Every structure is written in C-alpha cells, then in structure tokens.
Amino acid sequence: MADYTSDLANARKLDGDIVAAGQPTAAQLDAARREGVHTVVNLRPAGEFDAFDEAAHVRDAGMTYVHIPVAGPDDINDASARRLDEALGAEGGVPALVHCASSNRVGALLAYRARHIQGRSADEAMEIGRAAGLNPKSPLLEATRAKLG
C-alpha cells in the first residue's frame, strides 16, 4: 500500500498489510479503497467525530466497516482485542486501516492484542504498540504497560 498514507495523520505501515493512523478524511478513505484496503476499523467512540458519516462512506465505497469504541484505558481489554483480531483475521480483512483520532489508541489496542491474543512477550507487545502510534507522553502508555503484565 502506498500513497493514501502520505497525507494521513500519523500513518504507520505495519506488518500484515495493516495501516495504523489518525482520523482519515472521506477523500483519504476513497484513496484507501482505490489502493486495495478492504477493511476500516474505527476505534473512536460515537459522538467523538461527526464531520461525515464514516460508516456509510466506507460501506458505500465497498469496504467493510468495523466500529470498536475505545474511549480510554478501560476499553483496552479482551473483548476489544478479540473484535480487532477477528476483523483483521477475517477472510478479506486485510489490507486494513485501523484508526482513532491520532493512532494512540490504535497502538494501545494492538499492543494488548499482541500480548493477550497473539501470545507475544510484554516487551514485544509494547514495541508493536509504539510502532502503531502509542504516544510515549500519553497516560495511555502506562495504562497499557500495566495491562500487558
């Protein structure tokens, strides 16, 4: 995957055809589809973003839309990680774009998934989280580290 990420806030290309990022625009979602993205996973809770109807836009573009609301540390949990893992592991689930507002929550949830779903070490999981956008200055970093054990 290439160009649609060039102007996408905090975009990071990860292993397994996954892009972690901040909030995409409608035009960036259209570009993502043209470049082969199959699934968009939105971690922003309802009401946090209302510039356009992202779910309808994604579906109208022919992509799968998955909403996993992550408002803060309490939502970085087994249920959210399982839903993310199912979305990314589904047939045609990748290439995928996983986003929140800045990619901080994306990093936290991917770290949790790496540790508790994929069985990675806590250190490996934290590295995955940082690579995906977990902000070292965010309170979510320490909350995530504590959840990794």
C-alpha atoms as a PDB file:
ATOM      1  CA  MET A   1       0.000   0.000   0.000  1.00  0.00           C
ATOM      2  CA  ALA A   2       1.303   3.390  -0.791  1.00  0.00           C
ATOM      3  CA  ASP A   3       0.129   6.879  -1.475  1.00  0.00           C
ATOM      4  CA  TYR A   4      -3.084   7.210   0.501  1.00  0.00           C
ATOM      5  CA  THR A   5      -0.980   7.189   3.672  1.00  0.00           C
ATOM      6  CA  SER A   6       1.244  10.115   2.662  1.00  0.00           C
ATOM      7  CA  ASP A   7      -1.155  12.767   4.000  1.00  0.00           C
ATOM      8  CA  LEU A   8      -2.910  10.586   6.559  1.00  0.00           C
ATOM      9  CA  ALA A   9      -2.296  11.801  10.117  1.00  0.00           C
ATOM     10  CA  ASN A  10       0.274   9.688  11.970  1.00  0.00           C
ATOM     11  CA  ALA A  11       0.054   6.884   9.410  1.00  0.00           C
ATOM     12  CA  ARG A  12       2.256   3.897  10.076  1.00  0.00           C
ATOM     13  CA  LYS A  13       2.534   0.839   7.861  1.00  0.00           C
ATOM     14  CA  LEU A  14       2.670  -2.297   9.976  1.00  0.00           C
ATOM     15  CA  ASP A  15       3.268  -5.966   9.249  1.00  0.00           C
ATOM     16  CA  GLY A  16       0.387  -7.893   7.787  1.00  0.00           C
ATOM     17  CA  ASP A  17      -0.990  -5.205   5.451  1.00  0.00           C
ATOM     18  CA  ILE A  18      -2.229  -3.060   8.333  1.00  0.00           C
ATOM     19  CA  VAL A  19      -2.006   0.720   8.482  1.00  0.00           C
ATOM     20  CA  ALA A  20      -2.445   2.440  11.853  1.00  0.00           C
ATOM     21  CA  ALA A  21      -3.418   6.099  11.674  1.00  0.00           C
ATOM     22  CA  GLY A  22      -5.307   9.079  12.943  1.00  0.00           C
ATOM     23  CA  GLN A  23      -8.697  10.104  11.571  1.00  0.00           C
ATOM     24  CA  PRO A  24      -8.924   9.824   7.771  1.00  0.00           C
ATOM     25  CA  THR A  25     -10.921  12.208   5.618  1.00  0.00           C
ATOM     26  CA  ALA A  26     -13.558  10.972   3.185  1.00  0.00           C
ATOM     27  CA  ALA A  27     -11.108  11.556   0.328  1.00  0.00           C
ATOM     28  CA  GLN A  28      -8.420   9.525   2.119  1.00  0.00           C
ATOM     29  CA  LEU A  29     -10.884   6.676   2.611  1.00  0.00           C
ATOM     30  CA  ASP A  30     -11.684   6.777  -1.110  1.00  0.00           C
ATOM     31  CA  ALA A  31      -7.965   6.672  -1.892  1.00  0.00           C
ATOM     32  CA  ALA A  32      -7.510   3.785   0.543  1.00  0.00           C
ATOM     33  CA  ARG A  33     -10.170   1.815  -1.314  1.00  0.00           C
ATOM     34  CA  ARG A  34      -8.563   2.528  -4.678  1.00  0.00           C
ATOM     35  CA  GLU A  35      -5.280   1.236  -3.259  1.00  0.00           C
ATOM     36  CA  GLY A  36      -6.831  -2.019  -2.106  1.00  0.00           C
ATOM     37  CA  VAL A  37      -7.910  -1.511   1.501  1.00  0.00           C
ATOM     38  CA  HIS A  38     -10.696  -3.961   2.371  1.00  0.00           C
ATOM     39  CA  THR A  39     -11.450  -3.095   5.998  1.00  0.00           C
ATOM     40  CA  VAL A  40     -11.620   0.112   8.031  1.00  0.00           C
ATOM     41  CA  VAL A  41     -11.608  -0.278  11.815  1.00  0.00           C
ATOM     42  CA  ASN A  42     -12.668   2.845  13.705  1.00  0.00           C
ATOM     43  CA  LEU A  43     -11.763   2.990  17.404  1.00  0.00           C
ATOM     44  CA  ARG A  44     -13.382   6.384  18.049  1.00  0.00           C
ATOM     45  CA  PRO A  45     -16.475   6.289  20.285  1.00  0.00           C
ATOM     46  CA  ALA A  46     -19.791   7.512  18.898  1.00  0.00           C
ATOM     47  CA  GLY A  47     -20.011  11.286  19.082  1.00  0.00           C
ATOM     48  CA  GLU A  48     -16.261  11.881  19.009  1.00  0.00           C
ATOM     49  CA  PHE A  49     -16.246  12.582  15.269  1.00  0.00           C
ATOM     50  CA  ASP A  50     -19.110  13.862  13.149  1.00  0.00           C
ATOM     51  CA  ALA A  51     -17.597  15.625  10.126  1.00  0.00           C
ATOM     52  CA  PHE A  52     -19.171  12.945   7.899  1.00  0.00           C
ATOM     53  CA  ASP A  53     -20.866   9.562   8.288  1.00  0.00           C
ATOM     54  CA  GLU A  54     -17.768   7.400   8.155  1.00  0.00           C
ATOM     55  CA  ALA A  55     -19.601   4.077   8.445  1.00  0.00           C
ATOM     56  CA  ALA A  56     -21.880   4.860   5.498  1.00  0.00           C
ATOM     57  CA  HIS A  57     -18.998   6.260   3.459  1.00  0.00           C
ATOM     58  CA  VAL A  58     -16.853   3.167   3.991  1.00  0.00           C
ATOM     59  CA  ARG A  59     -19.705   0.787   3.198  1.00  0.00           C
ATOM     60  CA  ASP A  60     -20.751   2.788   0.120  1.00  0.00           C
ATOM     61  CA  ALA A  61     -17.151   2.512  -1.095  1.00  0.00           C
ATOM     62  CA  GLY A  62     -17.392  -1.283  -0.850  1.00  0.00           C
ATOM     63  CA  MET A  63     -15.194  -1.768   2.199  1.00  0.00           C
ATOM     64  CA  THR A  64     -16.013  -3.468   5.484  1.00  0.00           C
ATOM     65  CA  TYR A  65     -16.553  -1.075   8.394  1.00  0.00           C
ATOM     66  CA  VAL A  66     -15.865  -2.237  11.950  1.00  0.00           C
ATOM     67  CA  HIS A  67     -16.527   0.006  14.951  1.00  0.00           C
ATOM     68  CA  ILE A  68     -14.783  -0.841  18.227  1.00  0.00           C
ATOM     69  CA  PRO A  69     -15.279   2.141  20.568  1.00  0.00           C
ATOM     70  CA  VAL A  70     -12.171   2.804  22.668  1.00  0.00           C
ATOM     71  CA  ALA A  71     -12.648   5.878  24.855  1.00  0.00           C
ATOM     72  CA  GLY A  72      -9.748   5.169  27.193  1.00  0.00           C
ATOM     73  CA  PRO A  73      -7.828   2.549  29.178  1.00  0.00           C
ATOM     74  CA  ASP A  74     -10.924   0.642  30.328  1.00  0.00           C
ATOM     75  CA  ASP A  75     -11.718  -0.171  26.696  1.00  0.00           C
ATOM     76  CA  ILE A  76      -8.292  -1.713  26.098  1.00  0.00           C
ATOM     77  CA  ASN A  77      -9.491  -5.174  27.075  1.00  0.00           C
ATOM     78  CA  ASP A  78     -10.049  -8.750  25.940  1.00  0.00           C
ATOM     79  CA  ALA A  79     -13.360  -8.034  24.200  1.00  0.00           C
ATOM     80  CA  SER A  80     -11.973  -5.140  22.142  1.00  0.00           C
ATOM     81  CA  ALA A  81      -8.798  -7.042  21.270  1.00  0.00           C
ATOM     82  CA  ARG A  82     -10.797 -10.093  20.176  1.00  0.00           C
ATOM     83  CA  ARG A  83     -13.040  -7.966  17.953  1.00  0.00           C
ATOM     84  CA  LEU A  84      -9.987  -6.355  16.371  1.00  0.00           C
ATOM     85  CA  ASP A  85      -8.324  -9.722  15.872  1.00  0.00           C
ATOM     86  CA  GLU A  86     -11.478 -11.122  14.266  1.00  0.00           C
ATOM     87  CA  ALA A  87     -11.774  -8.122  11.935  1.00  0.00           C
ATOM     88  CA  LEU A  88      -8.161  -8.380  10.811  1.00  0.00           C
ATOM     89  CA  GLY A  89      -8.226 -12.168  10.605  1.00  0.00           C
ATOM     90  CA  ALA A  90     -11.468 -12.461   8.665  1.00  0.00           C
ATOM     91  CA  GLU A  91     -11.305 -13.563   5.056  1.00  0.00           C
ATOM     92  CA  GLY A  92     -10.651 -10.357   3.135  1.00  0.00           C
ATOM     93  CA  GLY A  93      -9.947  -8.496   6.395  1.00  0.00           C
ATOM     94  CA  VAL A  94      -6.656  -7.103   5.153  1.00  0.00           C
ATOM     95  CA  PRO A  95      -5.352  -4.842   3.805  1.00  0.00           C
ATOM     96  CA  ALA A  96      -6.837  -2.806   6.646  1.00  0.00           C
ATOM     97  CA  LEU A  97      -6.792   0.717   8.019  1.00  0.00           C
ATOM     98  CA  VAL A  98      -7.169   0.906  11.809  1.00  0.00           C
ATOM     99  CA  HIS A  99      -7.653   4.398  13.198  1.00  0.00           C
ATOM    100  CA  CYS A 100      -8.667   6.601  16.093  1.00  0.00           C
ATOM    101  CA  ALA A 101      -8.090  10.363  16.330  1.00  0.00           C
ATOM    102  CA  SER A 102      -4.279  10.204  16.480  1.00  0.00           C
ATOM    103  CA  SER A 103      -3.307   6.485  16.405  1.00  0.00           C
ATOM    104  CA  ASN A 104      -2.566   6.469  20.158  1.00  0.00           C
ATOM    105  CA  ARG A 105      -5.490   4.163  20.992  1.00  0.00           C
ATOM    106  CA  VAL A 106      -4.681   2.062  17.921  1.00  0.00           C
ATOM    107  CA  GLY A 107      -1.217   1.447  19.335  1.00  0.00           C
ATOM    108  CA  ALA A 108      -2.605   0.577  22.758  1.00  0.00           C
ATOM    109  CA  LEU A 109      -5.130  -1.919  21.396  1.00  0.00           C
ATOM    110  CA  LEU A 110      -2.634  -3.516  19.005  1.00  0.00           C
ATOM    111  CA  ALA A 111      -0.195  -3.916  21.913  1.00  0.00           C
ATOM    112  CA  TYR A 112      -2.880  -5.566  24.030  1.00  0.00           C
ATOM    113  CA  ARG A 113      -3.841  -7.836  21.114  1.00  0.00           C
ATOM    114  CA  ALA A 114      -0.195  -8.800  20.578  1.00  0.00           C
ATOM    115  CA  ARG A 115       0.213  -9.776  24.235  1.00  0.00           C
ATOM    116  CA  HIS A 116      -3.106 -11.379  25.122  1.00  0.00           C
ATOM    117  CA  ILE A 117      -4.386 -12.743  21.801  1.00  0.00           C
ATOM    118  CA  GLN A 118      -1.182 -13.477  19.883  1.00  0.00           C
ATOM    119  CA  GLY A 119       0.945 -14.510  22.882  1.00  0.00           C
ATOM    120  CA  ARG A 120       3.814 -12.081  22.332  1.00  0.00           C
ATOM    121  CA  SER A 121       6.020 -11.012  25.234  1.00  0.00           C
ATOM    122  CA  ALA A 122       5.167  -7.788  27.062  1.00  0.00           C
ATOM    123  CA  ASP A 123       8.251  -6.121  25.563  1.00  0.00           C
ATOM    124  CA  GLU A 124       7.338  -7.206  22.029  1.00  0.00           C
ATOM    125  CA  ALA A 125       3.763  -6.043  22.560  1.00  0.00           C
ATOM    126  CA  MET A 126       4.914  -2.604  23.749  1.00  0.00           C
ATOM    127  CA  GLU A 127       7.151  -2.287  20.697  1.00  0.00           C
ATOM    128  CA  ILE A 128       4.201  -3.137  18.446  1.00  0.00           C
ATOM    129  CA  GLY A 129       2.134  -0.521  20.261  1.00  0.00           C
ATOM    130  CA  ARG A 130       4.786   2.163  19.887  1.00  0.00           C
ATOM    131  CA  ALA A 131       5.262   1.310  16.215  1.00  0.00           C
ATOM    132  CA  ALA A 132       1.498   1.709  15.726  1.00  0.00           C
ATOM    133  CA  GLY A 133       1.333   5.117  17.389  1.00  0.00           C
ATOM    134  CA  LEU A 134       1.136   4.623  21.157  1.00  0.00           C
ATOM    135  CA  ASN A 135       2.355   8.003  22.346  1.00  0.00           C
ATOM    136  CA  PRO A 136       5.155   7.868  24.941  1.00  0.00           C
ATOM    137  CA  LYS A 137       3.831  11.096  26.515  1.00  0.00           C
ATOM    138  CA  SER A 138       0.262   9.815  26.862  1.00  0.00           C
ATOM    139  CA  PRO A 139      -1.171   8.474  30.130  1.00  0.00           C
ATOM    140  CA  LEU A 140      -2.432   5.598  27.985  1.00  0.00           C
ATOM    141  CA  LEU A 141       1.152   4.327  27.690  1.00  0.00           C
ATOM    142  CA  GLU A 142       1.449   3.427  31.375  1.00  0.00           C
ATOM    143  CA  ALA A 143      -2.101   2.084  31.497  1.00  0.00           C
ATOM    144  CA  THR A 144      -1.304  -0.163  28.537  1.00  0.00           C
ATOM    145  CA  ARG A 145       2.002  -1.290  30.028  1.00  0.00           C
ATOM    146  CA  ALA A 146       0.171  -2.295  33.226  1.00  0.00           C
ATOM    147  CA  LYS A 147      -2.350  -4.328  31.220  1.00  0.00           C
ATOM    148  CA  LEU A 148       0.425  -6.253  29.475  1.00  0.00           C
ATOM    149  CA  GLY A 149       1.707  -7.703  32.738  1.00  0.00           C
END
